[in-house]
Protein backbone atom coordinates (compact mmCIF):
# COMPACT_ATOMS: atom_id res chain seq x y z
CA UNK A 1 -93.57 265.79 184.18
CA UNK A 2 -92.59 263.80 186.81
CA UNK A 3 -95.60 261.34 186.06
CA UNK A 4 -94.60 261.23 182.11
CA UNK A 5 -90.97 260.29 183.27
CA UNK A 6 -91.84 257.55 185.31
CA UNK A 7 -94.26 255.90 182.79
CA UNK A 8 -91.40 256.06 179.97
CA UNK A 9 -88.95 254.07 182.34
CA UNK A 10 -91.55 251.50 183.30
CA UNK A 11 -92.20 250.94 179.80
CA UNK A 12 -88.78 250.75 178.55
CA UNK A 13 -88.06 248.28 181.62
CA UNK A 14 -90.90 246.28 180.18
CA UNK A 15 -89.79 246.04 176.46
CA UNK A 16 -86.25 245.03 177.80
CA UNK A 17 -87.94 242.06 179.61
CA UNK A 18 -89.75 241.35 176.52
CA UNK A 19 -86.73 241.21 174.70
CA UNK A 20 -84.82 239.13 177.35
CA UNK A 21 -87.87 236.44 177.15
CA UNK A 22 -87.76 236.44 173.24
CA UNK A 23 -83.91 236.05 173.32
CA UNK A 24 -83.97 232.86 175.45
CA UNK A 25 -87.08 231.56 174.11
CA UNK A 26 -87.57 232.00 170.31
CA UNK A 27 -84.42 232.25 169.29
CA UNK A 28 -83.22 229.05 170.41
CA UNK A 29 -86.24 227.34 169.15
CA UNK A 30 -85.57 228.61 165.70
CA UNK A 31 -81.95 227.32 165.88
CA UNK A 32 -83.40 223.84 166.63
CA UNK A 33 -85.55 224.12 163.74
CA UNK A 34 -82.93 225.27 161.54
CA UNK A 35 -80.47 222.14 162.72
CA UNK A 36 -83.69 219.71 161.71
CA UNK A 37 -83.97 221.29 158.31
CA UNK A 38 -80.36 220.87 157.25
CA UNK A 39 -78.82 218.33 159.91
CA UNK A 40 -75.06 217.67 159.83
CA UNK A 41 -73.87 214.55 157.60
CA UNK A 42 -71.85 212.31 159.74
CA UNK A 43 -68.53 211.20 157.97
CA UNK A 44 -66.62 207.91 157.73
CA UNK A 45 -63.37 207.66 159.15
CA UNK A 46 -60.62 206.99 156.49
CA UNK A 47 -56.89 206.79 157.14
CA UNK A 48 -54.58 209.24 155.39
CA UNK A 49 -51.10 210.43 155.36
CA UNK A 50 -50.04 212.82 158.36
CA UNK A 51 -46.99 214.09 156.09
CA UNK A 52 -45.38 213.55 152.90
CA UNK A 53 -44.48 209.90 152.53
CA UNK A 54 -41.57 209.27 150.04
CA UNK A 55 -41.20 205.89 148.17
CA UNK A 56 -39.93 203.13 149.78
CA UNK A 57 -40.58 204.47 153.22
CA UNK A 58 -41.68 202.16 155.95
CA UNK A 59 -45.08 203.15 157.26
CA UNK A 60 -44.86 204.11 161.10
CA UNK A 61 -47.86 205.07 163.20
CA UNK A 62 -46.67 208.48 163.52
CA UNK A 63 -46.73 209.10 159.54
CA UNK A 64 -50.86 208.10 159.55
CA UNK A 65 -54.01 209.79 160.86
CA UNK A 66 -57.69 209.54 160.59
CA UNK A 67 -60.23 211.74 159.07
CA UNK A 68 -63.90 211.88 158.52
CA UNK A 69 -65.13 212.30 155.26
CA UNK A 70 -68.66 211.86 153.73
CA UNK A 71 -69.46 208.39 152.89
CA UNK A 72 -69.96 209.17 149.12
CA UNK A 73 -66.85 210.58 149.23
CA UNK A 74 -64.60 207.97 150.61
CA UNK A 75 -62.43 206.15 148.49
CA UNK A 76 -63.31 202.74 147.73
CA UNK A 77 -60.85 200.05 149.64
CA UNK A 78 -59.62 202.68 152.27
CA UNK A 79 -58.66 202.01 155.72
CA UNK A 80 -60.51 202.97 158.45
CA UNK A 81 -57.84 202.19 161.46
CA UNK A 82 -54.46 203.05 161.50
CA UNK A 83 -53.92 199.21 162.75
CA UNK A 84 -55.24 197.87 159.38
CA UNK A 85 -52.53 199.71 157.70
CA UNK A 86 -49.89 198.56 159.72
CA UNK A 87 -51.15 195.01 159.51
CA UNK A 88 -51.11 194.97 155.85
CA UNK A 89 -47.92 193.48 155.04
CA UNK A 90 -47.49 190.25 157.28
CA UNK A 91 -43.96 190.14 156.68
CA UNK A 92 -43.54 193.40 158.68
CA UNK A 93 -44.28 196.94 158.27
CA UNK A 94 -45.53 197.90 155.02
CA UNK A 95 -43.65 200.12 152.37
CA UNK A 96 -45.04 202.78 150.60
CA UNK A 97 -45.04 201.81 146.49
CA UNK A 98 -45.93 205.46 145.61
CA UNK A 99 -45.09 208.54 146.84
CA UNK A 100 -47.82 210.13 149.12
CA UNK A 101 -48.89 214.03 149.70
CA UNK A 102 -50.32 214.92 153.23
CA UNK A 103 -53.76 214.27 154.01
CA UNK A 104 -53.87 211.72 150.86
CA UNK A 105 -55.83 208.59 151.55
CA UNK A 106 -53.78 204.99 152.08
CA UNK A 107 -55.01 202.70 149.91
CA UNK A 108 -53.95 199.04 149.59
CA UNK A 109 -52.35 199.59 146.04
CA UNK A 110 -50.21 202.05 147.30
CA UNK A 111 -48.79 200.21 149.93
CA UNK A 112 -46.77 196.82 150.14
CA UNK A 113 -49.04 193.50 151.27
CA UNK A 114 -51.76 191.26 150.42
CA UNK A 115 -53.70 192.82 147.51
CA UNK A 116 -51.19 195.45 146.82
CA UNK A 117 -47.98 195.22 145.10
CA UNK A 118 -45.78 193.71 147.45
CA UNK A 119 -42.63 192.98 144.62
CA UNK A 120 -41.98 193.17 140.87
CA UNK A 121 -43.40 189.84 140.50
CA UNK A 122 -47.18 191.49 140.98
CA UNK A 123 -46.12 193.88 138.45
CA UNK A 124 -45.54 191.24 135.46
CA UNK A 125 -48.85 190.90 133.08
CA UNK A 126 -50.13 187.40 132.99
CA UNK A 127 -47.91 184.90 130.87
CA UNK A 128 -45.16 187.05 130.86
CA UNK A 129 -41.52 186.72 132.66
CA UNK A 130 -39.29 189.00 134.34
CA UNK A 131 -35.95 188.80 132.77
CA UNK A 132 -32.66 190.64 133.81
CA UNK A 133 -29.76 191.98 131.70
CA UNK A 134 -26.41 193.38 132.57
CA UNK A 135 -25.92 196.79 131.38
CA UNK A 136 -23.57 199.92 131.68
CA UNK A 137 -23.85 203.59 131.09
CA UNK A 138 -23.41 203.06 127.21
CA UNK A 139 -25.69 199.65 126.88
CA UNK A 140 -28.19 201.06 129.33
CA UNK A 141 -29.09 204.10 127.18
CA UNK A 142 -27.06 206.05 129.56
CA UNK A 143 -29.34 205.36 132.53
CA UNK A 144 -32.52 207.18 130.69
CA UNK A 145 -34.68 203.82 130.47
CA UNK A 146 -36.89 204.05 133.51
CA UNK A 147 -39.26 201.89 134.78
CA UNK A 148 -42.48 202.08 132.85
CA UNK A 149 -40.43 202.71 129.14
CA UNK A 150 -40.29 200.59 126.29
CA UNK A 151 -36.97 199.46 124.76
CA UNK A 152 -35.85 196.98 122.24
CA UNK A 153 -32.42 194.62 122.79
CA UNK A 154 -29.96 194.64 120.38
CA UNK A 155 -27.15 191.76 120.18
CA UNK A 156 -23.82 192.70 118.93
CA UNK A 157 -21.73 189.73 117.99
CA UNK A 158 -17.98 189.70 117.11
CA UNK A 159 -17.42 187.13 114.26
CA UNK A 160 -13.70 187.55 114.09
CA UNK A 161 -12.74 187.27 117.70
CA UNK A 162 -8.91 186.48 116.71
CA UNK A 163 -8.62 187.49 112.97
CA UNK A 164 -6.84 190.33 111.85
CA UNK A 165 -9.58 192.17 110.60
CA UNK A 166 -12.78 192.95 112.50
CA UNK A 167 -16.11 191.77 111.26
CA UNK A 168 -19.19 192.21 113.54
CA UNK A 169 -22.94 191.39 113.02
CA UNK A 170 -25.98 192.72 114.86
CA UNK A 171 -29.27 191.60 115.92
CA UNK A 172 -32.56 192.65 117.13
CA UNK A 173 -33.34 189.93 119.68
CA UNK A 174 -36.63 191.64 121.11
CA UNK A 175 -38.68 194.70 120.45
CA UNK A 176 -41.20 196.75 122.31
CA UNK A 177 -40.70 195.26 125.99
CA UNK A 178 -41.49 196.83 129.25
CA UNK A 179 -38.81 198.02 131.57
CA UNK A 180 -39.69 196.75 135.01
CA UNK A 181 -36.74 197.81 137.24
CA UNK A 182 -33.31 199.46 136.95
CA UNK A 183 -30.77 198.00 139.38
CA UNK A 184 -33.04 197.50 142.46
CA UNK A 185 -35.13 200.42 141.55
CA UNK A 186 -38.85 200.08 140.54
CA UNK A 187 -39.82 203.78 141.55
CA UNK A 188 -41.90 205.18 138.55
CA UNK A 189 -40.95 208.45 139.71
CA UNK A 190 -37.28 208.15 140.40
CA UNK A 191 -34.87 209.87 138.56
CA UNK A 192 -32.12 208.19 136.34
CA UNK A 193 -29.71 206.31 137.79
CA UNK A 194 -25.88 207.49 137.68
CA UNK A 195 -24.38 204.12 136.46
CA UNK A 196 -27.04 201.43 135.92
CA UNK A 197 -25.76 197.89 135.87
CA UNK A 198 -28.68 195.66 135.40
CA UNK A 199 -32.08 196.12 133.58
CA UNK A 200 -35.06 194.05 134.49
CA UNK A 201 -37.55 193.97 131.62
CA UNK A 202 -40.79 192.25 131.13
CA UNK A 203 -40.65 189.46 128.23
CA UNK A 204 -42.55 186.29 127.09
CA UNK A 205 -40.93 182.85 127.83
CA UNK A 206 -39.84 182.47 124.05
CA UNK A 207 -38.02 185.89 124.45
CA UNK A 208 -36.69 185.05 127.55
CA UNK A 209 -34.94 181.79 126.10
CA UNK A 210 -33.56 184.02 123.09
CA UNK A 211 -32.13 186.59 125.56
CA UNK A 212 -30.70 183.35 127.57
CA UNK A 213 -28.85 182.20 124.74
CA UNK A 214 -27.94 185.96 123.13
CA UNK A 215 -26.31 187.06 126.33
CA UNK A 216 -23.40 183.96 125.93
CA UNK A 217 -22.92 185.36 121.98
CA UNK A 218 -21.91 188.89 122.52
CA UNK A 219 -23.19 192.04 124.01
CA UNK A 220 -26.79 193.17 124.62
CA UNK A 221 -27.60 196.70 124.76
CA UNK A 222 -30.90 198.74 125.19
CA UNK A 223 -32.34 201.03 122.74
CA UNK A 224 -35.10 203.33 124.28
CA UNK A 225 -38.18 203.56 122.25
CA UNK A 226 -40.56 206.75 121.90
CA UNK A 227 -43.08 206.94 124.39
CA UNK A 228 -46.37 205.31 123.28
CA UNK A 229 -44.89 203.87 120.06
CA UNK A 230 -45.81 200.24 119.60
CA UNK A 231 -44.40 199.50 116.23
CA UNK A 232 -42.58 196.37 115.48
CA UNK A 233 -39.86 196.91 112.77
CA UNK A 234 -39.07 194.47 110.31
CA UNK A 235 -34.96 194.51 110.69
CA UNK A 236 -32.80 191.82 109.76
CA UNK A 237 -29.18 191.20 110.89
CA UNK A 238 -26.80 193.95 110.02
CA UNK A 239 -23.13 192.79 109.09
CA UNK A 240 -19.99 195.20 108.87
CA UNK A 241 -19.77 194.92 105.16
CA UNK A 242 -23.51 196.01 104.79
CA UNK A 243 -22.74 199.35 105.79
CA UNK A 244 -18.87 200.05 105.22
CA UNK A 245 -18.67 198.56 101.62
CA UNK A 246 -21.96 200.16 100.28
CA UNK A 247 -25.16 198.31 101.25
CA UNK A 248 -23.74 194.75 100.98
CA UNK A 249 -22.66 195.04 97.68
CA UNK A 250 -18.80 193.93 98.02
CA UNK A 251 -16.14 195.64 95.94
CA UNK A 252 -14.67 193.97 92.85
CA UNK A 253 -11.31 192.75 93.55
CA UNK A 254 -8.41 194.45 91.65
CA UNK A 255 -8.53 193.67 87.66
CA UNK A 256 -6.03 191.08 86.69
CA UNK A 257 -4.18 191.53 83.11
CA UNK A 258 -4.39 188.13 81.00
CA UNK A 259 -1.37 186.44 81.09
CA UNK A 260 0.39 186.24 77.97
CA UNK A 261 1.09 182.80 76.19
CA UNK A 262 4.62 182.19 76.10
CA UNK A 263 4.15 179.08 73.55
CA UNK A 264 4.71 176.67 76.65
CA UNK A 265 2.44 174.34 77.71
CA UNK A 266 0.28 175.50 80.96
CA UNK A 267 1.76 174.04 84.29
CA UNK A 268 -0.67 172.71 86.97
CA UNK A 269 -0.48 172.74 90.44
CA UNK A 270 -2.18 171.29 93.75
CA UNK A 271 -1.73 173.39 97.03
CA UNK A 272 -1.15 170.80 99.75
CA UNK A 273 -1.95 172.47 103.64
CA UNK A 274 -0.07 170.72 106.33
CA UNK A 275 -1.11 172.61 109.52
CA UNK A 276 0.70 176.04 109.27
CA UNK A 277 2.94 174.92 106.28
CA UNK A 278 1.63 175.26 102.69
CA UNK A 279 3.50 173.22 99.93
CA UNK A 280 2.90 173.85 96.42
CA UNK A 281 3.14 170.75 93.69
CA UNK A 282 3.93 172.23 89.96
CA UNK A 283 3.95 168.81 88.72
CA UNK A 284 1.33 168.33 86.33
CA UNK A 285 -1.71 166.42 88.00
CA UNK A 286 -4.71 164.46 86.74
CA UNK A 287 -7.67 164.57 89.07
CA UNK A 288 -9.91 161.47 88.63
CA UNK A 289 -13.08 160.33 90.80
CA UNK A 290 -14.33 156.86 90.93
CA UNK A 291 -15.89 156.02 87.75
CA UNK A 292 -15.38 159.55 85.92
CA UNK A 293 -12.92 160.14 83.18
CA UNK A 294 -9.73 162.27 84.50
CA UNK A 295 -10.05 165.78 84.57
CA UNK A 296 -7.02 168.14 84.49
CA UNK A 297 -6.61 170.59 87.56
CA UNK A 298 -7.14 174.17 86.77
CA UNK A 299 -3.89 175.90 84.85
CA UNK A 300 -2.71 178.68 86.75
CA UNK A 301 1.04 179.14 86.62
CA UNK A 302 1.66 179.17 90.14
CA UNK A 303 -0.72 177.26 92.12
CA UNK A 304 -3.89 179.66 93.31
CA UNK A 305 -5.12 179.24 96.97
């Protein structure tokens, strides 16, 4: 029994030593072989936001960090160092032109600086101009017009500024123009301002001339268009009488009963206006132009104005 026990223990020791040798020699070789078959791909450094960045924030080193991404997944134009981002705007610290989430790549188009959008001027399309209008909470669509929306500009003009009866006329000055900014805000993700005072719109040179003249004639107001609607309406001027008196048809005056003949010759008169005074001359007159026969003035009893 002792011999069998000794042999078993010796065999166990041998097997244990063999397993240890296999673990130290064979397994590391297999791991190296697997690494050779599927090597870990090296990434390229890109600068991302280390935390949420809001529109208008000045970028600081603490807002940025570097991560590595596969070369085929890195965004085109992405910055590779924090120094590149901070030097993008030569005038100072670059400003975020779009809100960015944490881990979002920092791209030149999202910050101020060369090649990006440093001001509203870079937003203007080729051949167009930015024109600013004074607006209020009512003429500015209650603040609902935001950067990126499209509007029409309406002129309201008072034709009787000093008369007892009011008479107005309205014109569509320009149509389907893009809003570039409200007040000093060009953030396309912003909420409506409480009380807008100015609106900057994108117009052509000729439209800018029209708006410049129209602003001196009356009140300009914005009319917000439906998103995606580009139709230009054929809308002419509209006067007060066009809708207060039934679509431009003036109501007839009161009927005047014909005068009965009194058997006396009709009188003729000419009304003379001298400043504020009005004089009526009831004596019969003859009106005669050079080289023409005399024409009797209109018979009217009392002279008509």
